[in-house]
Amino acid sequence: MNENITILRRYYFPKMNVFRQYSTLNAFIDQNSTLGLVPTMGALHQGHTSLIERALAENDQVIVTIFINPTQFEHSDDLKKYPKTLDSDIKMIRNISQKIIVYAPESSDLYSKSIKSSSYSFGSIENVMEGKIRVGHFQGVATVVEKLLTIFLPTNAYFGEKDFQQLQIIRSLVGQKNLSSTIVGCSTCRNNNGLALSSRNSFLTKNETKKASFIFEQLKIAKSLWGVESSKFIIKKIKNSFSNNHDFKLDYFDIRYEKNLLNAENKSENKVRAFIAVKLGKIRLIDNLPLYEF
């Protein structure tokens, strides 16, 4: 094995495999085994660990990537502010299993020439909600995910349903590019008050974290009304609730079909979700909830 890679691995944690370059990582993995991939931007939390644990249960080998992808940030300030917690992230992974392989590259290893997004066409699933507000965001997400799936050729790749629009973008990407990996969507993890776990939650105060339970409460109200009232009625009710709660600024509340993210009017056989994005103080939070029983 490359001497520099061995030194890097020992510098972080004994017996763990941490790589900065995908070329040396690919030489290390067993090409005849099933491989699970968990792409992350670090600042790991219980939501990430649930993805990692599922990948471990379903694959012979697991790679967790820790890379803050510059092309999915609209503003350089947001990129600079994103929490960088590599040492604690690796400790968390080590506590799950020392068999996990970590890929924590510099940008130059994935963007060898210039740091810019590739161009994709995702149609209706990109041009609404997050894609409408964060222009170019999903182009950056698709760019780095295509690179990772092409480099490592994982059997399965794991993504959380909290970012459901992103999940559908990635599924579309795999279909368009005829990639071999199976994309596995994993249920949203929540804290005790229902707040969806997110790296952004670390920026919330204790009081804001408590107030954030209101988001999930409204999603549950929407679910209870689905099939009884029209989507127009439900959306108006939820918007009014946020208008009357001055702690929040609502970006959007939508009810959409899962498959194509088009607006859903009334109950149907197609799977439907409620989607929400709000600002609580300075922190923007997103969430969603299926309006059907599993």
C-alpha atoms as a PDB file:
ATOM      1  CA  MET A   1       0.000   0.000   0.000  1.00  0.00           C
ATOM      2  CA  ASN A   2       1.161   3.538  -0.701  1.00  0.00           C
ATOM      3  CA  GLU A   3       3.313   4.700   2.248  1.00  0.00           C
ATOM      4  CA  ASN A   4       1.726   8.164   2.406  1.00  0.00           C
ATOM      5  CA  ILE A   5      -1.756   6.682   2.638  1.00  0.00           C
ATOM      6  CA  THR A   6      -0.634   4.380   5.463  1.00  0.00           C
ATOM      7  CA  ILE A   7       0.784   7.354   7.354  1.00  0.00           C
ATOM      8  CA  LEU A   8      -2.421   9.330   6.824  1.00  0.00           C
ATOM      9  CA  ARG A   9      -4.486   6.458   8.137  1.00  0.00           C
ATOM     10  CA  ARG A  10      -2.396   6.105  11.282  1.00  0.00           C
ATOM     11  CA  TYR A  11      -2.377   9.846  11.846  1.00  0.00           C
ATOM     12  CA  TYR A  12      -6.137   9.872  12.132  1.00  0.00           C
ATOM     13  CA  PHE A  13      -7.035   6.621  13.865  1.00  0.00           C
ATOM     14  CA  PRO A  14      -5.261   3.271  14.085  1.00  0.00           C
ATOM     15  CA  LYS A  15      -6.889   0.431  12.145  1.00  0.00           C
ATOM     16  CA  MET A  16      -9.171   2.772  10.175  1.00  0.00           C
ATOM     17  CA  ASN A  17      -8.855   3.260   6.455  1.00  0.00           C
ATOM     18  CA  VAL A  18      -8.961   6.953   5.532  1.00  0.00           C
ATOM     19  CA  PHE A  19      -8.146   7.999   1.988  1.00  0.00           C
ATOM     20  CA  ARG A  20      -7.598  11.366   0.327  1.00  0.00           C
ATOM     21  CA  GLN A  21      -7.306   9.998  -3.221  1.00  0.00           C
ATOM     22  CA  TYR A  22      -9.835   7.778  -4.943  1.00  0.00           C
ATOM     23  CA  SER A  23      -7.139   6.040  -7.009  1.00  0.00           C
ATOM     24  CA  THR A  24      -5.519   4.546  -3.908  1.00  0.00           C
ATOM     25  CA  LEU A  25      -8.906   3.758  -2.385  1.00  0.00           C
ATOM     26  CA  ASN A  26     -10.029   1.842  -5.460  1.00  0.00           C
ATOM     27  CA  ALA A  27      -6.831  -0.208  -5.293  1.00  0.00           C
ATOM     28  CA  PHE A  28      -7.704  -1.079  -1.699  1.00  0.00           C
ATOM     29  CA  ILE A  29     -11.306  -2.297  -2.049  1.00  0.00           C
ATOM     30  CA  ASP A  30     -12.327  -5.828  -2.997  1.00  0.00           C
ATOM     31  CA  GLN A  31     -13.836  -5.583  -6.467  1.00  0.00           C
ATOM     32  CA  ASN A  32     -15.625  -8.916  -6.022  1.00  0.00           C
ATOM     33  CA  SER A  33     -17.603  -7.808  -2.965  1.00  0.00           C
ATOM     34  CA  THR A  34     -20.800  -5.809  -2.733  1.00  0.00           C
ATOM     35  CA  LEU A  35     -20.091  -2.180  -1.969  1.00  0.00           C
ATOM     36  CA  GLY A  36     -22.279   0.373  -0.197  1.00  0.00           C
ATOM     37  CA  LEU A  37     -21.662   4.099  -0.611  1.00  0.00           C
ATOM     38  CA  VAL A  38     -22.836   6.791   1.806  1.00  0.00           C
ATOM     39  CA  PRO A  39     -22.049  10.265   0.408  1.00  0.00           C
ATOM     40  CA  THR A  40     -21.953  13.014   3.043  1.00  0.00           C
ATOM     41  CA  MET A  41     -20.660  16.551   3.505  1.00  0.00           C
ATOM     42  CA  GLY A  42     -19.569  15.767   7.053  1.00  0.00           C
ATOM     43  CA  ALA A  43     -20.978  17.321  10.235  1.00  0.00           C
ATOM     44  CA  LEU A  44     -22.362  13.849  10.832  1.00  0.00           C
ATOM     45  CA  HIS A  45     -25.371  13.178  13.056  1.00  0.00           C
ATOM     46  CA  GLN A  46     -27.705  10.302  13.867  1.00  0.00           C
ATOM     47  CA  GLY A  47     -29.366  10.600  10.474  1.00  0.00           C
ATOM     48  CA  HIS A  48     -26.043   9.860   8.809  1.00  0.00           C
ATOM     49  CA  THR A  49     -25.238   7.014  11.176  1.00  0.00           C
ATOM     50  CA  SER A  50     -28.555   5.341  10.325  1.00  0.00           C
ATOM     51  CA  LEU A  51     -27.566   5.409   6.633  1.00  0.00           C
ATOM     52  CA  ILE A  52     -24.135   3.996   7.451  1.00  0.00           C
ATOM     53  CA  GLU A  53     -25.573   1.219   9.629  1.00  0.00           C
ATOM     54  CA  ARG A  54     -28.008   0.206   6.898  1.00  0.00           C
ATOM     55  CA  ALA A  55     -25.199   0.173   4.343  1.00  0.00           C
ATOM     56  CA  LEU A  56     -23.163  -2.066   6.666  1.00  0.00           C
ATOM     57  CA  ALA A  57     -26.084  -4.464   7.032  1.00  0.00           C
ATOM     58  CA  GLU A  58     -26.651  -4.745   3.280  1.00  0.00           C
ATOM     59  CA  ASN A  59     -23.114  -4.766   1.815  1.00  0.00           C
ATOM     60  CA  ASP A  60     -19.753  -6.500   2.266  1.00  0.00           C
ATOM     61  CA  GLN A  61     -17.839  -3.211   2.213  1.00  0.00           C
ATOM     62  CA  VAL A  62     -18.880   0.382   2.909  1.00  0.00           C
ATOM     63  CA  ILE A  63     -17.384   3.696   1.821  1.00  0.00           C
ATOM     64  CA  VAL A  64     -18.432   6.888   3.583  1.00  0.00           C
ATOM     65  CA  THR A  65     -17.436  10.018   1.695  1.00  0.00           C
ATOM     66  CA  ILE A  66     -16.842  13.280   3.553  1.00  0.00           C
ATOM     67  CA  PHE A  67     -16.630  16.113   1.052  1.00  0.00           C
ATOM     68  CA  ILE A  68     -18.099  19.607   1.233  1.00  0.00           C
ATOM     69  CA  ASN A  69     -19.002  19.977  -2.418  1.00  0.00           C
ATOM     70  CA  PRO A  70     -18.393  23.578  -3.558  1.00  0.00           C
ATOM     71  CA  THR A  71     -20.567  23.411  -6.692  1.00  0.00           C
ATOM     72  CA  GLN A  72     -23.832  22.971  -4.789  1.00  0.00           C
ATOM     73  CA  PHE A  73     -23.492  26.231  -2.847  1.00  0.00           C
ATOM     74  CA  GLU A  74     -25.013  29.351  -4.356  1.00  0.00           C
ATOM     75  CA  HIS A  75     -22.930  31.735  -2.257  1.00  0.00           C
ATOM     76  CA  SER A  76     -19.293  31.468  -1.191  1.00  0.00           C
ATOM     77  CA  ASP A  77     -20.244  32.643   2.310  1.00  0.00           C
ATOM     78  CA  ASP A  78     -22.511  29.607   2.758  1.00  0.00           C
ATOM     79  CA  LEU A  79     -19.634  27.342   1.723  1.00  0.00           C
ATOM     80  CA  LYS A  80     -17.291  29.004   4.224  1.00  0.00           C
ATOM     81  CA  LYS A  81     -19.852  28.745   7.040  1.00  0.00           C
ATOM     82  CA  TYR A  82     -20.625  25.063   6.501  1.00  0.00           C
ATOM     83  CA  PRO A  83     -19.377  23.140   9.578  1.00  0.00           C
ATOM     84  CA  LYS A  84     -16.077  21.336   9.074  1.00  0.00           C
ATOM     85  CA  THR A  85     -15.754  18.544  11.621  1.00  0.00           C
ATOM     86  CA  LEU A  86     -13.598  15.876   9.978  1.00  0.00           C
ATOM     87  CA  ASP A  87     -11.914  14.584  13.141  1.00  0.00           C
ATOM     88  CA  SER A  88     -15.171  14.166  15.065  1.00  0.00           C
ATOM     89  CA  ASP A  89     -16.849  12.696  11.968  1.00  0.00           C
ATOM     90  CA  ILE A  90     -14.175  10.001  11.742  1.00  0.00           C
ATOM     91  CA  LYS A  91     -14.519   9.276  15.463  1.00  0.00           C
ATOM     92  CA  MET A  92     -18.247   8.784  14.961  1.00  0.00           C
ATOM     93  CA  ILE A  93     -17.637   6.429  12.039  1.00  0.00           C
ATOM     94  CA  ARG A  94     -15.007   4.517  14.017  1.00  0.00           C
ATOM     95  CA  ASN A  95     -17.554   3.953  16.800  1.00  0.00           C
ATOM     96  CA  ILE A  96     -19.880   2.315  14.284  1.00  0.00           C
ATOM     97  CA  SER A  97     -17.259   0.053  12.719  1.00  0.00           C
ATOM     98  CA  GLN A  98     -13.537   0.240  12.026  1.00  0.00           C
ATOM     99  CA  LYS A  99     -14.166  -1.722   8.827  1.00  0.00           C
ATOM    100  CA  ILE A 100     -15.726   1.339   7.172  1.00  0.00           C
ATOM    101  CA  ILE A 101     -13.621   3.031   4.508  1.00  0.00           C
ATOM    102  CA  VAL A 102     -13.563   6.831   4.593  1.00  0.00           C
ATOM    103  CA  TYR A 103     -12.936   8.958   1.514  1.00  0.00           C
ATOM    104  CA  ALA A 104     -12.183  12.560   2.497  1.00  0.00           C
ATOM    105  CA  PRO A 105     -10.678  14.216  -0.581  1.00  0.00           C
ATOM    106  CA  GLU A 106      -9.533  17.694  -1.420  1.00  0.00           C
ATOM    107  CA  SER A 107     -11.535  19.343  -4.213  1.00  0.00           C
ATOM    108  CA  SER A 108      -8.688  18.723  -6.665  1.00  0.00           C
ATOM    109  CA  ASP A 109      -9.164  14.963  -6.446  1.00  0.00           C
ATOM    110  CA  LEU A 110     -12.747  15.179  -7.766  1.00  0.00           C
ATOM    111  CA  TYR A 111     -12.513  18.395  -9.799  1.00  0.00           C
ATOM    112  CA  SER A 112      -9.167  17.934 -11.482  1.00  0.00           C
ATOM    113  CA  LYS A 113      -9.454  20.805 -13.984  1.00  0.00           C
ATOM    114  CA  SER A 114     -11.983  23.390 -12.841  1.00  0.00           C
ATOM    115  CA  ILE A 115     -14.510  23.477 -10.034  1.00  0.00           C
ATOM    116  CA  LYS A 116     -17.787  23.783 -11.902  1.00  0.00           C
ATOM    117  CA  SER A 117     -20.986  21.825 -12.366  1.00  0.00           C
ATOM    118  CA  SER A 118     -21.829  19.626 -15.305  1.00  0.00           C
ATOM    119  CA  SER A 119     -25.104  20.329 -17.096  1.00  0.00           C
ATOM    120  CA  TYR A 120     -28.172  18.123 -16.635  1.00  0.00           C
ATOM    121  CA  SER A 121     -31.854  18.258 -17.528  1.00  0.00           C
ATOM    122  CA  PHE A 122     -34.161  17.086 -14.753  1.00  0.00           C
ATOM    123  CA  GLY A 123     -37.368  18.789 -15.885  1.00  0.00           C
ATOM    124  CA  SER A 124     -40.166  19.257 -13.373  1.00  0.00           C
ATOM    125  CA  ILE A 125     -38.376  17.642 -10.447  1.00  0.00           C
ATOM    126  CA  GLU A 126     -35.683  20.334 -10.472  1.00  0.00           C
ATOM    127  CA  ASN A 127     -37.632  23.501 -11.222  1.00  0.00           C
ATOM    128  CA  VAL A 128     -39.794  23.561  -8.094  1.00  0.00           C
ATOM    129  CA  MET A 129     -39.270  24.041  -4.364  1.00  0.00           C
ATOM    130  CA  GLU A 130     -35.524  23.923  -3.586  1.00  0.00           C
ATOM    131  CA  GLY A 131     -34.561  24.034  -7.252  1.00  0.00           C
ATOM    132  CA  LYS A 132     -36.592  27.219  -7.770  1.00  0.00           C
ATOM    133  CA  ILE A 133     -35.105  28.955  -4.737  1.00  0.00           C
ATOM    134  CA  ARG A 134     -31.546  27.588  -4.898  1.00  0.00           C
ATOM    135  CA  VAL A 135     -30.803  27.926  -8.605  1.00  0.00           C
ATOM    136  CA  GLY A 136     -28.017  25.589  -9.731  1.00  0.00           C
ATOM    137  CA  HIS A 137     -27.943  23.673  -6.453  1.00  0.00           C
ATOM    138  CA  PHE A 138     -29.075  20.352  -7.905  1.00  0.00           C
ATOM    139  CA  GLN A 139     -26.718  20.678 -10.867  1.00  0.00           C
ATOM    140  CA  GLY A 140     -23.890  20.722  -8.311  1.00  0.00           C
ATOM    141  CA  VAL A 141     -25.361  17.807  -6.359  1.00  0.00           C
ATOM    142  CA  ALA A 142     -25.751  15.715  -9.508  1.00  0.00           C
ATOM    143  CA  THR A 143     -22.204  16.549 -10.603  1.00  0.00           C
ATOM    144  CA  VAL A 144     -20.532  15.244  -7.460  1.00  0.00           C
ATOM    145  CA  VAL A 145     -22.848  12.234  -7.126  1.00  0.00           C
ATOM    146  CA  GLU A 146     -22.169  11.208 -10.728  1.00  0.00           C
ATOM    147  CA  LYS A 147     -18.440  11.450 -10.035  1.00  0.00           C
ATOM    148  CA  LEU A 148     -18.708   9.270  -6.916  1.00  0.00           C
ATOM    149  CA  LEU A 149     -20.948   6.656  -8.547  1.00  0.00           C
ATOM    150  CA  THR A 150     -18.694   6.489 -11.604  1.00  0.00           C
ATOM    151  CA  ILE A 151     -15.466   6.305  -9.598  1.00  0.00           C
ATOM    152  CA  PHE A 152     -16.506   3.643  -7.087  1.00  0.00           C
ATOM    153  CA  LEU A 153     -19.300   1.775  -8.928  1.00  0.00           C
ATOM    154  CA  PRO A 154     -21.092   0.940  -5.675  1.00  0.00           C
ATOM    155  CA  THR A 155     -23.699  -1.785  -5.569  1.00  0.00           C
ATOM    156  CA  ASN A 156     -25.933   0.473  -3.456  1.00  0.00           C
ATOM    157  CA  ALA A 157     -25.820   4.174  -2.570  1.00  0.00           C
ATOM    158  CA  TYR A 158     -27.735   5.550   0.420  1.00  0.00           C
ATOM    159  CA  PHE A 159     -29.505   8.901   0.756  1.00  0.00           C
ATOM    160  CA  GLY A 160     -31.929  10.278   3.332  1.00  0.00           C
ATOM    161  CA  GLU A 161     -35.548  11.089   2.493  1.00  0.00           C
ATOM    162  CA  LYS A 162     -35.322  14.391   4.385  1.00  0.00           C
ATOM    163  CA  ASP A 163     -33.857  15.741   1.148  1.00  0.00           C
ATOM    164  CA  PHE A 164     -36.505  14.004  -0.930  1.00  0.00           C
ATOM    165  CA  GLN A 165     -36.232  16.294  -3.939  1.00  0.00           C
ATOM    166  CA  GLN A 166     -32.498  15.612  -4.007  1.00  0.00           C
ATOM    167  CA  LEU A 167     -33.211  11.875  -3.803  1.00  0.00           C
ATOM    168  CA  GLN A 168     -35.465  12.079  -6.872  1.00  0.00           C
ATOM    169  CA  ILE A 169     -32.822  14.106  -8.730  1.00  0.00           C
ATOM    170  CA  ILE A 170     -30.259  11.381  -8.033  1.00  0.00           C
ATOM    171  CA  ARG A 171     -32.640   8.638  -9.152  1.00  0.00           C
ATOM    172  CA  SER A 172     -33.204  10.562 -12.382  1.00  0.00           C
ATOM    173  CA  LEU A 173     -29.453  10.988 -12.807  1.00  0.00           C
ATOM    174  CA  VAL A 174     -28.839   7.246 -12.477  1.00  0.00           C
ATOM    175  CA  GLY A 175     -31.496   6.524 -15.080  1.00  0.00           C
ATOM    176  CA  GLN A 176     -30.239   9.141 -17.532  1.00  0.00           C
ATOM    177  CA  LYS A 177     -26.601   8.053 -17.248  1.00  0.00           C
ATOM    178  CA  ASN A 178     -27.431   4.346 -17.118  1.00  0.00           C
ATOM    179  CA  LEU A 179     -25.401   3.913 -13.948  1.00  0.00           C
ATOM    180  CA  SER A 180     -25.357   0.506 -12.299  1.00  0.00           C
ATOM    181  CA  SER A 181     -25.882   1.514  -8.658  1.00  0.00           C
ATOM    182  CA  THR A 182     -29.157   1.033  -6.813  1.00  0.00           C
ATOM    183  CA  ILE A 183     -30.247   4.229  -5.049  1.00  0.00           C
ATOM    184  CA  VAL A 184     -31.644   3.469  -1.594  1.00  0.00           C
ATOM    185  CA  GLY A 185     -33.856   6.077   0.090  1.00  0.00           C
ATOM    186  CA  CYS A 186     -33.848   5.926   3.892  1.00  0.00           C
ATOM    187  CA  SER A 187     -36.505   7.301   6.226  1.00  0.00           C
ATOM    188  CA  THR A 188     -35.970  10.672   7.892  1.00  0.00           C
ATOM    189  CA  CYS A 189     -34.508  10.552  11.400  1.00  0.00           C
ATOM    190  CA  ARG A 190     -36.003  12.961  13.930  1.00  0.00           C
ATOM    191  CA  ASN A 191     -35.209  14.131  17.419  1.00  0.00           C
ATOM    192  CA  ASN A 192     -37.653  13.714  20.301  1.00  0.00           C
ATOM    193  CA  ASN A 193     -39.777  16.720  19.301  1.00  0.00           C
ATOM    194  CA  GLY A 194     -40.040  15.688  15.657  1.00  0.00           C
ATOM    195  CA  LEU A 195     -37.432  18.019  14.178  1.00  0.00           C
ATOM    196  CA  ALA A 196     -35.755  16.350  11.192  1.00  0.00           C
ATOM    197  CA  LEU A 197     -32.065  15.816  11.891  1.00  0.00           C
ATOM    198  CA  SER A 198     -29.811  18.068   9.837  1.00  0.00           C
ATOM    199  CA  SER A 199     -26.308  19.474  10.034  1.00  0.00           C
ATOM    200  CA  ARG A 200     -27.939  22.921  10.067  1.00  0.00           C
ATOM    201  CA  ASN A 201     -29.591  22.126  13.401  1.00  0.00           C
ATOM    202  CA  SER A 202     -26.277  22.769  15.149  1.00  0.00           C
ATOM    203  CA  PHE A 203     -26.799  26.475  14.435  1.00  0.00           C
ATOM    204  CA  LEU A 204     -30.130  26.549  16.304  1.00  0.00           C
ATOM    205  CA  THR A 205     -30.308  27.744  19.898  1.00  0.00           C
ATOM    206  CA  LYS A 206     -31.929  25.468  22.489  1.00  0.00           C
ATOM    207  CA  ASN A 207     -35.009  27.658  22.422  1.00  0.00           C
ATOM    208  CA  GLU A 208     -35.172  27.562  18.618  1.00  0.00           C
ATOM    209  CA  THR A 209     -34.787  23.779  18.645  1.00  0.00           C
ATOM    210  CA  LYS A 210     -37.782  23.566  20.961  1.00  0.00           C
ATOM    211  CA  LYS A 211     -39.827  25.905  18.759  1.00  0.00           C
ATOM    212  CA  ALA A 212     -38.926  23.894  15.651  1.00  0.00           C
ATOM    213  CA  SER A 213     -41.300  21.121  16.728  1.00  0.00           C
ATOM    214  CA  PHE A 214     -44.010  23.302  15.162  1.00  0.00           C
ATOM    215  CA  ILE A 215     -42.796  22.261  11.697  1.00  0.00           C
ATOM    216  CA  PHE A 216     -43.463  18.558  12.199  1.00  0.00           C
ATOM    217  CA  GLU A 217     -46.727  19.298  13.979  1.00  0.00           C
ATOM    218  CA  GLN A 218     -47.986  21.100  10.868  1.00  0.00           C
ATOM    219  CA  LEU A 219     -46.879  18.264   8.600  1.00  0.00           C
ATOM    220  CA  LYS A 220     -48.834  15.818  10.755  1.00  0.00           C
ATOM    221  CA  ILE A 221     -51.911  18.055  10.548  1.00  0.00           C
ATOM    222  CA  ALA A 222     -51.594  18.006   6.754  1.00  0.00           C
ATOM    223  CA  LYS A 223     -51.417  14.221   6.815  1.00  0.00           C
ATOM    224  CA  SER A 224     -54.513  13.951   9.010  1.00  0.00           C
ATOM    225  CA  LEU A 225     -56.477  16.115   6.554  1.00  0.00           C
ATOM    226  CA  TRP A 226     -55.300  14.443   3.345  1.00  0.00           C
ATOM    227  CA  GLY A 227     -58.103  12.507   1.739  1.00  0.00           C
ATOM    228  CA  VAL A 228     -60.657  14.496   3.712  1.00  0.00           C
ATOM    229  CA  GLU A 229     -59.888  17.968   2.353  1.00  0.00           C
ATOM    230  CA  SER A 230     -58.424  19.183  -0.937  1.00  0.00           C
ATOM    231  CA  SER A 231     -54.758  20.107  -1.185  1.00  0.00           C
ATOM    232  CA  LYS A 232     -55.824  23.731  -1.728  1.00  0.00           C
ATOM    233  CA  PHE A 233     -57.634  23.747   1.623  1.00  0.00           C
ATOM    234  CA  ILE A 234     -54.746  22.055   3.446  1.00  0.00           C
ATOM    235  CA  ILE A 235     -52.103  24.366   1.974  1.00  0.00           C
ATOM    236  CA  LYS A 236     -54.132  27.433   2.933  1.00  0.00           C
ATOM    237  CA  LYS A 237     -54.581  26.130   6.487  1.00  0.00           C
ATOM    238  CA  ILE A 238     -50.876  25.403   6.979  1.00  0.00           C
ATOM    239  CA  LYS A 239     -49.853  28.753   5.489  1.00  0.00           C
ATOM    240  CA  ASN A 240     -52.240  30.508   7.870  1.00  0.00           C
ATOM    241  CA  SER A 241     -50.704  28.643  10.798  1.00  0.00           C
ATOM    242  CA  PHE A 242     -47.255  29.923   9.894  1.00  0.00           C
ATOM    243  CA  SER A 243     -48.567  33.425   9.260  1.00  0.00           C
ATOM    244  CA  ASN A 244     -49.835  33.416  12.837  1.00  0.00           C
ATOM    245  CA  ASN A 245     -46.539  32.136  14.238  1.00  0.00           C
ATOM    246  CA  HIS A 246     -44.048  34.977  14.018  1.00  0.00           C
ATOM    247  CA  ASP A 247     -41.055  32.785  14.887  1.00  0.00           C
ATOM    248  CA  PHE A 248     -41.091  31.421  11.348  1.00  0.00           C
ATOM    249  CA  LYS A 249     -40.887  32.721   7.816  1.00  0.00           C
ATOM    250  CA  LEU A 250     -42.428  30.224   5.393  1.00  0.00           C
ATOM    251  CA  ASP A 251     -40.680  29.778   2.038  1.00  0.00           C
ATOM    252  CA  TYR A 252     -43.136  27.210   0.733  1.00  0.00           C
ATOM    253  CA  PHE A 253     -45.580  24.491   1.724  1.00  0.00           C
ATOM    254  CA  ASP A 254     -46.543  22.151  -1.119  1.00  0.00           C
ATOM    255  CA  ILE A 255     -48.334  18.854  -1.609  1.00  0.00           C
ATOM    256  CA  ARG A 256     -46.804  16.942  -4.497  1.00  0.00           C
ATOM    257  CA  TYR A 257     -46.646  13.525  -6.124  1.00  0.00           C
ATOM    258  CA  GLU A 258     -43.468  11.678  -5.169  1.00  0.00           C
ATOM    259  CA  LYS A 259     -42.653  10.426  -8.654  1.00  0.00           C
ATOM    260  CA  ASN A 260     -42.596  13.693 -10.611  1.00  0.00           C
ATOM    261  CA  LEU A 261     -43.033  16.354  -7.881  1.00  0.00           C
ATOM    262  CA  LEU A 262     -46.034  17.830  -9.676  1.00  0.00           C
ATOM    263  CA  ASN A 263     -48.782  19.394  -7.575  1.00  0.00           C
ATOM    264  CA  ALA A 264     -51.259  16.879  -6.163  1.00  0.00           C
ATOM    265  CA  GLU A 265     -54.825  18.153  -6.018  1.00  0.00           C
ATOM    266  CA  ASN A 266     -56.770  15.396  -4.286  1.00  0.00           C
ATOM    267  CA  LYS A 267     -56.232  11.925  -2.885  1.00  0.00           C
ATOM    268  CA  SER A 268     -55.229   9.370  -5.499  1.00  0.00           C
ATOM    269  CA  GLU A 269     -53.501   6.007  -5.787  1.00  0.00           C
ATOM    270  CA  ASN A 270     -50.199   7.773  -6.474  1.00  0.00           C
ATOM    271  CA  LYS A 271     -47.901   8.407  -3.520  1.00  0.00           C
ATOM    272  CA  VAL A 272     -48.004  11.983  -2.267  1.00  0.00           C
ATOM    273  CA  ARG A 273     -45.859  14.019   0.146  1.00  0.00           C
ATOM    274  CA  ALA A 274     -46.125  17.351   1.875  1.00  0.00           C
ATOM    275  CA  PHE A 275     -42.993  19.500   1.534  1.00  0.00           C
ATOM    276  CA  ILE A 276     -41.990  22.499   3.600  1.00  0.00           C
ATOM    277  CA  ALA A 277     -39.164  25.039   3.867  1.00  0.00           C
ATOM    278  CA  VAL A 278     -39.063  27.677   6.593  1.00  0.00           C
ATOM    279  CA  LYS A 279     -36.655  30.051   8.259  1.00  0.00           C
ATOM    280  CA  LEU A 280     -36.405  29.947  12.026  1.00  0.00           C
ATOM    281  CA  GLY A 281     -34.279  32.890  13.042  1.00  0.00           C
ATOM    282  CA  LYS A 282     -31.389  32.867  10.573  1.00  0.00           C
ATOM    283  CA  ILE A 283     -31.543  29.130   9.906  1.00  0.00           C
ATOM    284  CA  ARG A 284     -33.432  27.656   6.972  1.00  0.00           C
ATOM    285  CA  LEU A 285     -34.978  24.233   7.566  1.00  0.00           C
ATOM    286  CA  ILE A 286     -36.615  21.802   5.141  1.00  0.00           C
ATOM    287  CA  ASP A 287     -38.749  18.750   5.820  1.00  0.00           C
ATOM    288  CA  ASN A 288     -41.341  16.508   4.207  1.00  0.00           C
ATOM    289  CA  LEU A 289     -43.790  13.799   5.186  1.00  0.00           C
ATOM    290  CA  PRO A 290     -45.544  11.114   3.160  1.00  0.00           C
ATOM    291  CA  LEU A 291     -49.308  11.555   3.276  1.00  0.00           C
ATOM    292  CA  TYR A 292     -49.954   7.820   2.996  1.00  0.00           C
ATOM    293  CA  GLU A 293     -49.458   4.851   5.276  1.00  0.00           C
ATOM    294  CA  PHE A 294     -46.451   2.632   4.674  1.00  0.00           C
END
